[in-house]
Amino acid sequence: MRVKLGEKVVKARIADNLFTRSKGLMFKKSMEEDEGMLFVFNRECFPRFWMLGMRFPIDIIWINSKNRIVDITKNAKPSLSPWKTYKPREACKYVLEVKADFSLDNGIKIGKRIEIDY
């Protein structure tokens, strides 16, 4: 599965059910620059994400049902607490997790339209 953000293409694993969304990138040791995980929800919502069990920081890109970026959480750091969560400012249908600083390094901004081959 691929996600195109401008000129940059990310190969993303899909998390589209309760189990895969709960596990996410937990316990993964690292991630390549062109790798990510795409969380897919049935409808727009305000999901909360935690960094419990993560081993590296990530950028969280929040995307609405019109494939527009509505928020970006930059450099979310691993946490030992399940109570520390991140959520978007606007409702979203997709959430793309990528390596920390991906959005800065690739000029990814709120309002940008993306392509999802799902």
PDB file of N, CA and C in Angstrom:
ATOM      1  N   MET A   1       0.854  -1.169   0.000  1.00  0.00           N
ATOM      2  CA  MET A   1       0.000   0.000   0.000  1.00  0.00           C
ATOM      3  C   MET A   1       0.893   1.222   0.000  1.00  0.00           C
ATOM      4  N   ARG A   2       0.552   2.228  -0.773  1.00  0.00           N
ATOM      5  CA  ARG A   2       1.389   3.425  -0.804  1.00  0.00           C
ATOM      6  C   ARG A   2       0.571   4.692  -0.586  1.00  0.00           C
ATOM      7  N   VAL A   3       1.255   5.664   0.002  1.00  0.00           N
ATOM      8  CA  VAL A   3       0.674   6.974   0.253  1.00  0.00           C
ATOM      9  C   VAL A   3       1.603   7.987  -0.396  1.00  0.00           C
ATOM     10  N   LYS A   4       1.044   8.849  -1.233  1.00  0.00           N
ATOM     11  CA  LYS A   4       1.854   9.855  -1.919  1.00  0.00           C
ATOM     12  C   LYS A   4       1.572  11.220  -1.306  1.00  0.00           C
ATOM     13  N   LEU A   5       2.629  11.840  -0.796  1.00  0.00           N
ATOM     14  CA  LEU A   5       2.549  13.163  -0.190  1.00  0.00           C
ATOM     15  C   LEU A   5       3.429  14.081  -1.044  1.00  0.00           C
ATOM     16  N   GLY A   6       2.822  14.780  -1.992  1.00  0.00           N
ATOM     17  CA  GLY A   6       3.617  15.576  -2.923  1.00  0.00           C
ATOM     18  C   GLY A   6       4.456  14.646  -3.774  1.00  0.00           C
ATOM     19  N   GLU A   7       5.761  14.848  -3.771  1.00  0.00           N
ATOM     20  CA  GLU A   7       6.677  14.006  -4.537  1.00  0.00           C
ATOM     21  C   GLU A   7       7.130  12.774  -3.762  1.00  0.00           C
ATOM     22  N   LYS A   8       6.862  12.747  -2.493  1.00  0.00           N
ATOM     23  CA  LYS A   8       7.334  11.662  -1.621  1.00  0.00           C
ATOM     24  C   LYS A   8       6.306  10.529  -1.564  1.00  0.00           C
ATOM     25  N   VAL A   9       6.776   9.289  -1.731  1.00  0.00           N
ATOM     26  CA  VAL A   9       5.913   8.112  -1.632  1.00  0.00           C
ATOM     27  C   VAL A   9       6.337   7.309  -0.411  1.00  0.00           C
ATOM     28  N   VAL A  10       5.349   6.947   0.404  1.00  0.00           N
ATOM     29  CA  VAL A  10       5.584   6.155   1.608  1.00  0.00           C
ATOM     30  C   VAL A  10       4.934   4.790   1.414  1.00  0.00           C
ATOM     31  N   LYS A  11       5.705   3.733   1.669  1.00  0.00           N
ATOM     32  CA  LYS A  11       5.156   2.378   1.673  1.00  0.00           C
ATOM     33  C   LYS A  11       4.598   2.142   3.074  1.00  0.00           C
ATOM     34  N   ALA A  12       3.288   1.972   3.151  1.00  0.00           N
ATOM     35  CA  ALA A  12       2.644   1.901   4.469  1.00  0.00           C
ATOM     36  C   ALA A  12       1.990   0.556   4.728  1.00  0.00           C
ATOM     37  N   ARG A  13       2.185   0.064   5.936  1.00  0.00           N
ATOM     38  CA  ARG A  13       1.415  -1.078   6.421  1.00  0.00           C
ATOM     39  C   ARG A  13       0.057  -0.546   6.852  1.00  0.00           C
ATOM     40  N   ILE A  14      -0.974  -1.367   6.726  1.00  0.00           N
ATOM     41  CA  ILE A  14      -2.333  -0.949   7.049  1.00  0.00           C
ATOM     42  C   ILE A  14      -2.726  -1.422   8.448  1.00  0.00           C
ATOM     43  N   ALA A  15      -3.378  -0.530   9.187  1.00  0.00           N
ATOM     44  CA  ALA A  15      -3.981  -0.864  10.480  1.00  0.00           C
ATOM     45  C   ALA A  15      -5.448  -0.462  10.374  1.00  0.00           C
ATOM     46  N   ASP A  16      -6.319  -1.444  10.092  1.00  0.00           N
ATOM     47  CA  ASP A  16      -7.720  -1.111   9.840  1.00  0.00           C
ATOM     48  C   ASP A  16      -8.711  -1.896  10.703  1.00  0.00           C
ATOM     49  N   ASN A  17      -8.197  -2.488  11.777  1.00  0.00           N
ATOM     50  CA  ASN A  17      -9.108  -3.150  12.717  1.00  0.00           C
ATOM     51  C   ASN A  17      -8.608  -2.883  14.136  1.00  0.00           C
ATOM     52  N   LEU A  18      -9.394  -3.249  15.113  1.00  0.00           N
ATOM     53  CA  LEU A  18      -9.069  -2.934  16.509  1.00  0.00           C
ATOM     54  C   LEU A  18      -7.697  -3.479  16.916  1.00  0.00           C
ATOM     55  N   PHE A  19      -7.384  -4.719  16.544  1.00  0.00           N
ATOM     56  CA  PHE A  19      -6.107  -5.310  16.934  1.00  0.00           C
ATOM     57  C   PHE A  19      -4.922  -4.576  16.294  1.00  0.00           C
ATOM     58  N   THR A  20      -4.956  -4.390  14.966  1.00  0.00           N
ATOM     59  CA  THR A  20      -3.809  -3.757  14.297  1.00  0.00           C
ATOM     60  C   THR A  20      -3.667  -2.288  14.684  1.00  0.00           C
ATOM     61  N   ARG A  21      -4.790  -1.603  14.926  1.00  0.00           N
ATOM     62  CA  ARG A  21      -4.703  -0.196  15.363  1.00  0.00           C
ATOM     63  C   ARG A  21      -4.148  -0.110  16.780  1.00  0.00           C
ATOM     64  N   SER A  22      -4.517  -1.035  17.664  1.00  0.00           N
ATOM     65  CA  SER A  22      -4.014  -1.014  19.047  1.00  0.00           C
ATOM     66  C   SER A  22      -2.522  -1.311  19.099  1.00  0.00           C
ATOM     67  N   LYS A  23      -2.071  -2.233  18.281  1.00  0.00           N
ATOM     68  CA  LYS A  23      -0.657  -2.612  18.259  1.00  0.00           C
ATOM     69  C   LYS A  23       0.192  -1.545  17.569  1.00  0.00           C
ATOM     70  N   GLY A  24      -0.290  -1.039  16.428  1.00  0.00           N
ATOM     71  CA  GLY A  24       0.445  -0.004  15.697  1.00  0.00           C
ATOM     72  C   GLY A  24       1.891  -0.389  15.433  1.00  0.00           C
ATOM     73  N   LEU A  25       2.798   0.518  15.725  1.00  0.00           N
ATOM     74  CA  LEU A  25       4.232   0.293  15.537  1.00  0.00           C
ATOM     75  C   LEU A  25       4.916  -0.168  16.829  1.00  0.00           C
ATOM     76  N   MET A  26       4.108  -0.525  17.818  1.00  0.00           N
ATOM     77  CA  MET A  26       4.628  -0.944  19.106  1.00  0.00           C
ATOM     78  C   MET A  26       5.687  -2.036  18.941  1.00  0.00           C
ATOM     79  N   PHE A  27       6.796  -1.873  19.602  1.00  0.00           N
ATOM     80  CA  PHE A  27       7.913  -2.820  19.651  1.00  0.00           C
ATOM     81  C   PHE A  27       8.734  -2.902  18.367  1.00  0.00           C
ATOM     82  N   LYS A  28       8.387  -2.150  17.330  1.00  0.00           N
ATOM     83  CA  LYS A  28       9.221  -2.095  16.126  1.00  0.00           C
ATOM     84  C   LYS A  28      10.494  -1.346  16.496  1.00  0.00           C
ATOM     85  N   LYS A  29      11.641  -1.818  16.031  1.00  0.00           N
ATOM     86  CA  LYS A  29      12.923  -1.239  16.449  1.00  0.00           C
ATOM     87  C   LYS A  29      13.278   0.051  15.731  1.00  0.00           C
ATOM     88  N   SER A  30      12.892   0.177  14.474  1.00  0.00           N
ATOM     89  CA  SER A  30      13.209   1.389  13.710  1.00  0.00           C
ATOM     90  C   SER A  30      12.306   1.444  12.487  1.00  0.00           C
ATOM     91  N   MET A  31      12.450   2.532  11.727  1.00  0.00           N
ATOM     92  CA  MET A  31      11.645   2.711  10.537  1.00  0.00           C
ATOM     93  C   MET A  31      12.481   3.445   9.493  1.00  0.00           C
ATOM     94  N   GLU A  32      12.343   3.052   8.244  1.00  0.00           N
ATOM     95  CA  GLU A  32      13.044   3.716   7.144  1.00  0.00           C
ATOM     96  C   GLU A  32      12.335   5.013   6.783  1.00  0.00           C
ATOM     97  N   GLU A  33      13.011   5.887   6.064  1.00  0.00           N
ATOM     98  CA  GLU A  33      12.469   7.185   5.651  1.00  0.00           C
ATOM     99  C   GLU A  33      11.206   7.045   4.795  1.00  0.00           C
ATOM    100  N   ASP A  34      11.128   6.006   3.977  1.00  0.00           N
ATOM    101  CA  ASP A  34       9.984   5.847   3.074  1.00  0.00           C
ATOM    102  C   ASP A  34       8.970   4.818   3.583  1.00  0.00           C
ATOM    103  N   GLU A  35       9.019   4.530   4.869  1.00  0.00           N
ATOM    104  CA  GLU A  35       8.151   3.525   5.476  1.00  0.00           C
ATOM    105  C   GLU A  35       7.173   4.199   6.433  1.00  0.00           C
ATOM    106  N   GLY A  36       5.979   3.609   6.577  1.00  0.00           N
ATOM    107  CA  GLY A  36       5.021   4.165   7.512  1.00  0.00           C
ATOM    108  C   GLY A  36       3.935   3.173   7.855  1.00  0.00           C
ATOM    109  N   MET A  37       2.977   3.634   8.643  1.00  0.00           N
ATOM    110  CA  MET A  37       1.797   2.838   8.963  1.00  0.00           C
ATOM    111  C   MET A  37       0.588   3.736   8.795  1.00  0.00           C
ATOM    112  N   LEU A  38      -0.401   3.245   8.032  1.00  0.00           N
ATOM    113  CA  LEU A  38      -1.628   3.994   7.785  1.00  0.00           C
ATOM    114  C   LEU A  38      -2.765   3.364   8.583  1.00  0.00           C
ATOM    115  N   PHE A  39      -3.334   4.147   9.485  1.00  0.00           N
ATOM    116  CA  PHE A  39      -4.480   3.729  10.283  1.00  0.00           C
ATOM    117  C   PHE A  39      -5.740   4.180   9.549  1.00  0.00           C
ATOM    118  N   VAL A  40      -6.661   3.252   9.336  1.00  0.00           N
ATOM    119  CA  VAL A  40      -7.879   3.532   8.585  1.00  0.00           C
ATOM    120  C   VAL A  40      -9.070   3.333   9.514  1.00  0.00           C
ATOM    121  N   PHE A  41      -9.933   4.356   9.573  1.00  0.00           N
ATOM    122  CA  PHE A  41     -11.134   4.303  10.406  1.00  0.00           C
ATOM    123  C   PHE A  41     -12.369   4.273   9.504  1.00  0.00           C
ATOM    124  N   ASN A  42     -13.490   3.765  10.006  1.00  0.00           N
ATOM    125  CA  ASN A  42     -14.720   3.643   9.219  1.00  0.00           C
ATOM    126  C   ASN A  42     -15.334   4.993   8.867  1.00  0.00           C
ATOM    127  N   ARG A  43     -15.072   5.978   9.698  1.00  0.00           N
ATOM    128  CA  ARG A  43     -15.627   7.325   9.476  1.00  0.00           C
ATOM    129  C   ARG A  43     -14.701   8.345  10.130  1.00  0.00           C
ATOM    130  N   GLU A  44     -14.934   9.597   9.860  1.00  0.00           N
ATOM    131  CA  GLU A  44     -14.121  10.633  10.509  1.00  0.00           C
ATOM    132  C   GLU A  44     -14.382  10.608  12.010  1.00  0.00           C
ATOM    133  N   CYS A  45     -13.314  10.784  12.775  1.00  0.00           N
ATOM    134  CA  CYS A  45     -13.408  10.744  14.234  1.00  0.00           C
ATOM    135  C   CYS A  45     -12.210  11.489  14.827  1.00  0.00           C
ATOM    136  N   PHE A  46     -12.117  11.481  16.138  1.00  0.00           N
ATOM    137  CA  PHE A  46     -11.008  12.098  16.861  1.00  0.00           C
ATOM    138  C   PHE A  46     -10.255  11.000  17.620  1.00  0.00           C
ATOM    139  N   PRO A  47      -9.497  10.158  16.900  1.00  0.00           N
ATOM    140  CA  PRO A  47      -8.805   9.062  17.585  1.00  0.00           C
ATOM    141  C   PRO A  47      -7.692   9.580  18.479  1.00  0.00           C
ATOM    142  N   ARG A  48      -7.416   8.830  19.520  1.00  0.00           N
ATOM    143  CA  ARG A  48      -6.299   9.146  20.417  1.00  0.00           C
ATOM    144  C   ARG A  48      -5.220   8.089  20.214  1.00  0.00           C
ATOM    145  N   PHE A  49      -3.986   8.554  20.124  1.00  0.00           N
ATOM    146  CA  PHE A  49      -2.847   7.657  19.919  1.00  0.00           C
ATOM    147  C   PHE A  49      -1.895   7.773  21.090  1.00  0.00           C
ATOM    148  N   TRP A  50      -1.371   6.645  21.538  1.00  0.00           N
ATOM    149  CA  TRP A  50      -0.374   6.639  22.600  1.00  0.00           C
ATOM    150  C   TRP A  50       0.933   6.135  22.038  1.00  0.00           C
ATOM    151  N   MET A  51       2.015   6.363  22.778  1.00  0.00           N
ATOM    152  CA  MET A  51       3.357   5.969  22.347  1.00  0.00           C
ATOM    153  C   MET A  51       3.922   4.867  23.242  1.00  0.00           C
ATOM    154  N   LEU A  52       3.050   4.180  23.941  1.00  0.00           N
ATOM    155  CA  LEU A  52       3.444   3.091  24.822  1.00  0.00           C
ATOM    156  C   LEU A  52       4.090   1.976  24.000  1.00  0.00           C
ATOM    157  N   GLY A  53       5.271   1.525  24.409  1.00  0.00           N
ATOM    158  CA  GLY A  53       5.959   0.445  23.722  1.00  0.00           C
ATOM    159  C   GLY A  53       6.743   0.871  22.494  1.00  0.00           C
ATOM    160  N   MET A  54       6.713   2.152  22.172  1.00  0.00           N
ATOM    161  CA  MET A  54       7.465   2.648  21.014  1.00  0.00           C
ATOM    162  C   MET A  54       8.933   2.784  21.382  1.00  0.00           C
ATOM    163  N   ARG A  55       9.804   2.631  20.391  1.00  0.00           N
ATOM    164  CA  ARG A  55      11.243   2.713  20.622  1.00  0.00           C
ATOM    165  C   ARG A  55      11.891   3.898  19.936  1.00  0.00           C
ATOM    166  N   PHE A  56      11.095   4.671  19.194  1.00  0.00           N
ATOM    167  CA  PHE A  56      11.641   5.814  18.470  1.00  0.00           C
ATOM    168  C   PHE A  56      10.533   6.849  18.266  1.00  0.00           C
ATOM    169  N   PRO A  57      10.900   8.118  18.101  1.00  0.00           N
ATOM    170  CA  PRO A  57       9.893   9.156  17.886  1.00  0.00           C
ATOM    171  C   PRO A  57       9.338   9.105  16.463  1.00  0.00           C
ATOM    172  N   ILE A  58       8.119   9.616  16.287  1.00  0.00           N
ATOM    173  CA  ILE A  58       7.469   9.635  14.974  1.00  0.00           C
ATOM    174  C   ILE A  58       6.747  10.953  14.743  1.00  0.00           C
ATOM    175  N   ASP A  59       6.411  11.204  13.491  1.00  0.00           N
ATOM    176  CA  ASP A  59       5.470  12.255  13.135  1.00  0.00           C
ATOM    177  C   ASP A  59       4.130  11.562  12.911  1.00  0.00           C
ATOM    178  N   ILE A  60       3.051  12.178  13.378  1.00  0.00           N
ATOM    179  CA  ILE A  60       1.707  11.647  13.184  1.00  0.00           C
ATOM    180  C   ILE A  60       0.968  12.625  12.275  1.00  0.00           C
ATOM    181  N   ILE A  61       0.579  12.143  11.100  1.00  0.00           N
ATOM    182  CA  ILE A  61      -0.093  12.990  10.113  1.00  0.00           C
ATOM    183  C   ILE A  61      -1.566  12.593  10.086  1.00  0.00           C
ATOM    184  N   TRP A  62      -2.439  13.538  10.440  1.00  0.00           N
ATOM    185  CA  TRP A  62      -3.876  13.315  10.571  1.00  0.00           C
ATOM    186  C   TRP A  62      -4.548  13.758   9.271  1.00  0.00           C
ATOM    187  N   ILE A  63      -5.370  12.894   8.654  1.00  0.00           N
ATOM    188  CA  ILE A  63      -5.912  13.121   7.305  1.00  0.00           C
ATOM    189  C   ILE A  63      -7.431  12.921   7.317  1.00  0.00           C
ATOM    190  N   ASN A  64      -8.172  13.850   6.711  1.00  0.00           N
ATOM    191  CA  ASN A  64      -9.631  13.720   6.700  1.00  0.00           C
ATOM    192  C   ASN A  64     -10.111  12.832   5.545  1.00  0.00           C
ATOM    193  N   SER A  65     -11.428  12.663   5.421  1.00  0.00           N
ATOM    194  CA  SER A  65     -12.002  11.781   4.401  1.00  0.00           C
ATOM    195  C   SER A  65     -11.838  12.347   2.990  1.00  0.00           C
ATOM    196  N   LYS A  66     -11.464  13.618   2.879  1.00  0.00           N
ATOM    197  CA  LYS A  66     -11.207  14.228   1.563  1.00  0.00           C
ATOM    198  C   LYS A  66      -9.726  14.173   1.206  1.00  0.00           C
ATOM    199  N   ASN A  67      -8.972  13.385   1.977  1.00  0.00           N
ATOM    200  CA  ASN A  67      -7.533  13.186   1.784  1.00  0.00           C
ATOM    201  C   ASN A  67      -6.715  14.471   1.956  1.00  0.00           C
ATOM    202  N   ARG A  68      -7.171  15.324   2.854  1.00  0.00           N
ATOM    203  CA  ARG A  68      -6.422  16.537   3.199  1.00  0.00           C
ATOM    204  C   ARG A  68      -5.854  16.399   4.604  1.00  0.00           C
ATOM    205  N   ILE A  69      -4.642  16.862   4.770  1.00  0.00           N
ATOM    206  CA  ILE A  69      -3.998  16.845   6.083  1.00  0.00           C
ATOM    207  C   ILE A  69      -4.655  17.907   6.954  1.00  0.00           C
ATOM    208  N   VAL A  70      -5.184  17.492   8.111  1.00  0.00           N
ATOM    209  CA  VAL A  70      -5.863  18.434   9.009  1.00  0.00           C
ATOM    210  C   VAL A  70      -5.024  18.776  10.235  1.00  0.00           C
ATOM    211  N   ASP A  71      -3.970  17.992  10.491  1.00  0.00           N
ATOM    212  CA  ASP A  71      -3.098  18.276  11.626  1.00  0.00           C
ATOM    213  C   ASP A  71      -1.827  17.435  11.478  1.00  0.00           C
ATOM    214  N   ILE A  72      -0.774  17.862  12.126  1.00  0.00           N
ATOM    215  CA  ILE A  72       0.479  17.114  12.167  1.00  0.00           C
ATOM    216  C   ILE A  72       1.033  17.201  13.584  1.00  0.00           C
ATOM    217  N   THR A  73       1.286  16.061  14.178  1.00  0.00           N
ATOM    218  CA  THR A  73       1.969  16.007  15.466  1.00  0.00           C
ATOM    219  C   THR A  73       3.414  15.643  15.163  1.00  0.00           C
ATOM    220  N   LYS A  74       4.304  16.576  15.393  1.00  0.00           N
ATOM    221  CA  LYS A  74       5.705  16.368  15.043  1.00  0.00           C
ATOM    222  C   LYS A  74       6.499  15.814  16.216  1.00  0.00           C
ATOM    223  N   ASN A  75       7.351  14.847  15.911  1.00  0.00           N
ATOM    224  CA  ASN A  75       8.323  14.311  16.860  1.00  0.00           C
ATOM    225  C   ASN A  75       7.673  13.806  18.162  1.00  0.00           C
ATOM    226  N   ALA A  76       6.607  13.006  18.019  1.00  0.00           N
ATOM    227  CA  ALA A  76       5.972  12.398  19.190  1.00  0.00           C
ATOM    228  C   ALA A  76       6.935  11.368  19.767  1.00  0.00           C
ATOM    229  N   LYS A  77       7.242  11.514  21.031  1.00  0.00           N
ATOM    230  CA  LYS A  77       8.273  10.689  21.664  1.00  0.00           C
ATOM    231  C   LYS A  77       7.684   9.472  22.381  1.00  0.00           C
ATOM    232  N   PRO A  78       8.468   8.384  22.446  1.00  0.00           N
ATOM    233  CA  PRO A  78       8.020   7.198  23.185  1.00  0.00           C
ATOM    234  C   PRO A  78       7.681   7.545  24.632  1.00  0.00           C
ATOM    235  N   SER A  79       6.753   6.780  25.188  1.00  0.00           N
ATOM    236  CA  SER A  79       6.306   7.027  26.551  1.00  0.00           C
ATOM    237  C   SER A  79       6.066   5.696  27.264  1.00  0.00           C
ATOM    238  N   LEU A  80       6.231   5.697  28.548  1.00  0.00           N
ATOM    239  CA  LEU A  80       5.919   4.516  29.346  1.00  0.00           C
ATOM    240  C   LEU A  80       4.495   4.569  29.872  1.00  0.00           C
ATOM    241  N   SER A  81       3.805   5.657  29.584  1.00  0.00           N
ATOM    242  CA  SER A  81       2.457   5.838  30.105  1.00  0.00           C
ATOM    243  C   SER A  81       1.400   5.668  29.009  1.00  0.00           C
ATOM    244  N   PRO A  82       0.392   4.828  29.264  1.00  0.00           N
ATOM    245  CA  PRO A  82      -0.702   4.721  28.302  1.00  0.00           C
ATOM    246  C   PRO A  82      -1.648   5.920  28.382  1.00  0.00           C
ATOM    247  N   TRP A  83      -1.452   6.779  29.372  1.00  0.00           N
ATOM    248  CA  TRP A  83      -2.342   7.927  29.568  1.00  0.00           C
ATOM    249  C   TRP A  83      -1.896   9.139  28.767  1.00  0.00           C
ATOM    250  N   LYS A  84      -0.624   9.163  28.332  1.00  0.00           N
ATOM    251  CA  LYS A  84      -0.129  10.257  27.491  1.00  0.00           C
ATOM    252  C   LYS A  84      -0.593   9.968  26.065  1.00  0.00           C
ATOM    253  N   THR A  85      -1.514  10.780  25.542  1.00  0.00           N
ATOM    254  CA  THR A  85      -2.059  10.522  24.209  1.00  0.00           C
ATOM    255  C   THR A  85      -1.969  11.762  23.325  1.00  0.00           C
ATOM    256  N   TYR A  86      -2.096  11.520  22.030  1.00  0.00           N
ATOM    257  CA  TYR A  86      -2.123  12.584  21.020  1.00  0.00           C
ATOM    258  C   TYR A  86      -3.432  12.454  20.260  1.00  0.00           C
ATOM    259  N   LYS A  87      -4.022  13.592  19.891  1.00  0.00           N
ATOM    260  CA  LYS A  87      -5.250  13.579  19.097  1.00  0.00           C
ATOM    261  C   LYS A  87      -5.212  14.758  18.128  1.00  0.00           C
ATOM    262  N   PRO A  88      -5.983  14.681  17.050  1.00  0.00           N
ATOM    263  CA  PRO A  88      -5.974  15.763  16.059  1.00  0.00           C
ATOM    264  C   PRO A  88      -6.844  16.942  16.486  1.00  0.00           C
ATOM    265  N   ARG A  89      -6.587  18.091  15.859  1.00  0.00           N
ATOM    266  CA  ARG A  89      -7.425  19.281  16.098  1.00  0.00           C
ATOM    267  C   ARG A  89      -8.750  19.183  15.366  1.00  0.00           C
ATOM    268  N   GLU A  90      -8.770  18.420  14.258  1.00  0.00           N
ATOM    269  CA  GLU A  90      -9.987  18.217  13.463  1.00  0.00           C
ATOM    270  C   GLU A  90     -10.201  16.719  13.281  1.00  0.00           C
ATOM    271  N   ALA A  91     -11.437  16.358  12.952  1.00  0.00           N
ATOM    272  CA  ALA A  91     -11.750  14.939  12.734  1.00  0.00           C
ATOM    273  C   ALA A  91     -10.954  14.398  11.555  1.00  0.00           C
ATOM    274  N   CYS A  92     -10.614  13.124  11.633  1.00  0.00           N
ATOM    275  CA  CYS A  92      -9.851  12.500  10.555  1.00  0.00           C
ATOM    276  C   CYS A  92     -10.362  11.086  10.296  1.00  0.00           C
ATOM    277  N   LYS A  93     -10.065  10.584   9.112  1.00  0.00           N
ATOM    278  CA  LYS A  93     -10.426   9.219   8.730  1.00  0.00           C
ATOM    279  C   LYS A  93      -9.182   8.342   8.630  1.00  0.00           C
ATOM    280  N   TYR A  94      -8.040   8.979   8.363  1.00  0.00           N
ATOM    281  CA  TYR A  94      -6.774   8.269   8.221  1.00  0.00           C
ATOM    282  C   TYR A  94      -5.727   8.926   9.116  1.00  0.00           C
ATOM    283  N   VAL A  95      -4.796   8.111   9.579  1.00  0.00           N
ATOM    284  CA  VAL A  95      -3.664   8.625  10.340  1.00  0.00           C
ATOM    285  C   VAL A  95      -2.422   7.922   9.794  1.00  0.00           C
ATOM    286  N   LEU A  96      -1.435   8.716   9.396  1.00  0.00           N
ATOM    287  CA  LEU A  96      -0.191   8.165   8.867  1.00  0.00           C
ATOM    288  C   LEU A  96       0.925   8.420   9.867  1.00  0.00           C
ATOM    289  N   GLU A  97       1.552   7.340  10.327  1.00  0.00           N
ATOM    290  CA  GLU A  97       2.715   7.463  11.208  1.00  0.00           C
ATOM    291  C   GLU A  97       3.965   7.247  10.368  1.00  0.00           C
ATOM    292  N   VAL A  98       4.888   8.187  10.478  1.00  0.00           N
ATOM    293  CA  VAL A  98       6.148   8.138   9.739  1.00  0.00           C
ATOM    294  C   VAL A  98       7.292   8.496  10.684  1.00  0.00           C
ATOM    295  N   LYS A  99       8.497   8.297  10.214  1.00  0.00           N
ATOM    296  CA  LYS A  99       9.683   8.602  11.006  1.00  0.00           C
ATOM    297  C   LYS A  99       9.679  10.078  11.441  1.00  0.00           C
ATOM    298  N   ALA A 100      10.171  10.350  12.639  1.00  0.00           N
ATOM    299  CA  ALA A 100      10.239  11.732  13.145  1.00  0.00           C
ATOM    300  C   ALA A 100      10.971  12.622  12.151  1.00  0.00           C
ATOM    301  N   ASP A 101      10.518  13.853  12.019  1.00  0.00           N
ATOM    302  CA  ASP A 101      11.052  14.886  11.135  1.00  0.00           C
ATOM    303  C   ASP A 101      10.724  14.658   9.665  1.00  0.00           C
ATOM    304  N   PHE A 102       9.945  13.616   9.342  1.00  0.00           N
ATOM    305  CA  PHE A 102       9.543  13.369   7.961  1.00  0.00           C
ATOM    306  C   PHE A 102       8.799  14.578   7.396  1.00  0.00           C
ATOM    307  N   SER A 103       7.848  15.112   8.158  1.00  0.00           N
ATOM    308  CA  SER A 103       7.044  16.233   7.662  1.00  0.00           C
ATOM    309  C   SER A 103       7.904  17.471   7.428  1.00  0.00           C
ATOM    310  N   LEU A 104       8.841  17.735   8.313  1.00  0.00           N
ATOM    311  CA  LEU A 104       9.740  18.882   8.152  1.00  0.00           C
ATOM    312  C   LEU A 104      10.674  18.674   6.961  1.00  0.00           C
ATOM    313  N   ASP A 105      11.286  17.508   6.866  1.00  0.00           N
ATOM    314  CA  ASP A 105      12.239  17.218   5.796  1.00  0.00           C
ATOM    315  C   ASP A 105      11.612  17.207   4.410  1.00  0.00           C
ATOM    316  N   ASN A 106      10.303  16.922   4.332  1.00  0.00           N
ATOM    317  CA  ASN A 106       9.637  16.798   3.036  1.00  0.00           C
ATOM    318  C   ASN A 106       8.608  17.892   2.767  1.00  0.00           C
ATOM    319  N   GLY A 107       8.584  18.925   3.590  1.00  0.00           N
ATOM    320  CA  GLY A 107       7.680  20.055   3.361  1.00  0.00           C
ATOM    321  C   GLY A 107       6.208  19.703   3.465  1.00  0.00           C
ATOM    322  N   ILE A 108       5.874  18.750   4.318  1.00  0.00           N
ATOM    323  CA  ILE A 108       4.483  18.329   4.492  1.00  0.00           C
ATOM    324  C   ILE A 108       3.797  19.319   5.425  1.00  0.00           C
ATOM    325  N   LYS A 109       2.666  19.868   4.972  1.00  0.00           N
ATOM    326  CA  LYS A 109       1.985  20.912   5.733  1.00  0.00           C
ATOM    327  C   LYS A 109       0.481  20.631   5.835  1.00  0.00           C
ATOM    328  N   ILE A 110      -0.140  21.215   6.848  1.00  0.00           N
ATOM    329  CA  ILE A 110      -1.589  21.133   7.021  1.00  0.00           C
ATOM    330  C   ILE A 110      -2.252  21.753   5.792  1.00  0.00           C
ATOM    331  N   GLY A 111      -3.320  21.102   5.317  1.00  0.00           N
ATOM    332  CA  GLY A 111      -4.055  21.576   4.150  1.00  0.00           C
ATOM    333  C   GLY A 111      -3.641  20.887   2.860  1.00  0.00           C
ATOM    334  N   LYS A 112      -2.477  20.256   2.868  1.00  0.00           N
ATOM    335  CA  LYS A 112      -1.979  19.574   1.672  1.00  0.00           C
ATOM    336  C   LYS A 112      -2.841  18.342   1.388  1.00  0.00           C
ATOM    337  N   ARG A 113      -3.123  18.129   0.117  1.00  0.00           N
ATOM    338  CA  ARG A 113      -3.876  16.949  -0.316  1.00  0.00           C
ATOM    339  C   ARG A 113      -2.897  15.812  -0.603  1.00  0.00           C
ATOM    340  N   ILE A 114      -3.293  14.598  -0.224  1.00  0.00           N
ATOM    341  CA  ILE A 114      -2.439  13.429  -0.451  1.00  0.00           C
ATOM    342  C   ILE A 114      -3.206  12.390  -1.269  1.00  0.00           C
ATOM    343  N   GLU A 115      -2.472  11.405  -1.791  1.00  0.00           N
ATOM    344  CA  GLU A 115      -3.077  10.297  -2.517  1.00  0.00           C
ATOM    345  C   GLU A 115      -2.878   9.017  -1.713  1.00  0.00           C
ATOM    346  N   ILE A 116      -3.960   8.272  -1.538  1.00  0.00           N
ATOM    347  CA  ILE A 116      -3.883   7.006  -0.817  1.00  0.00           C
ATOM    348  C   ILE A 116      -4.332   5.906  -1.760  1.00  0.00           C
ATOM    349  N   ASP A 117      -3.464   4.952  -2.053  1.00  0.00           N
ATOM    350  CA  ASP A 117      -3.811   3.774  -2.852  1.00  0.00           C
ATOM    351  C   ASP A 117      -4.167   2.665  -1.886  1.00  0.00           C
ATOM    352  N   TYR A 118      -5.433   2.631  -1.481  1.00  0.00           N
ATOM    353  CA  TYR A 118      -5.881   1.661  -0.480  1.00  0.00           C
ATOM    354  C   TYR A 118      -6.859   0.697  -1.099  1.00  0.00           C
TER     355      TYR A 118
END
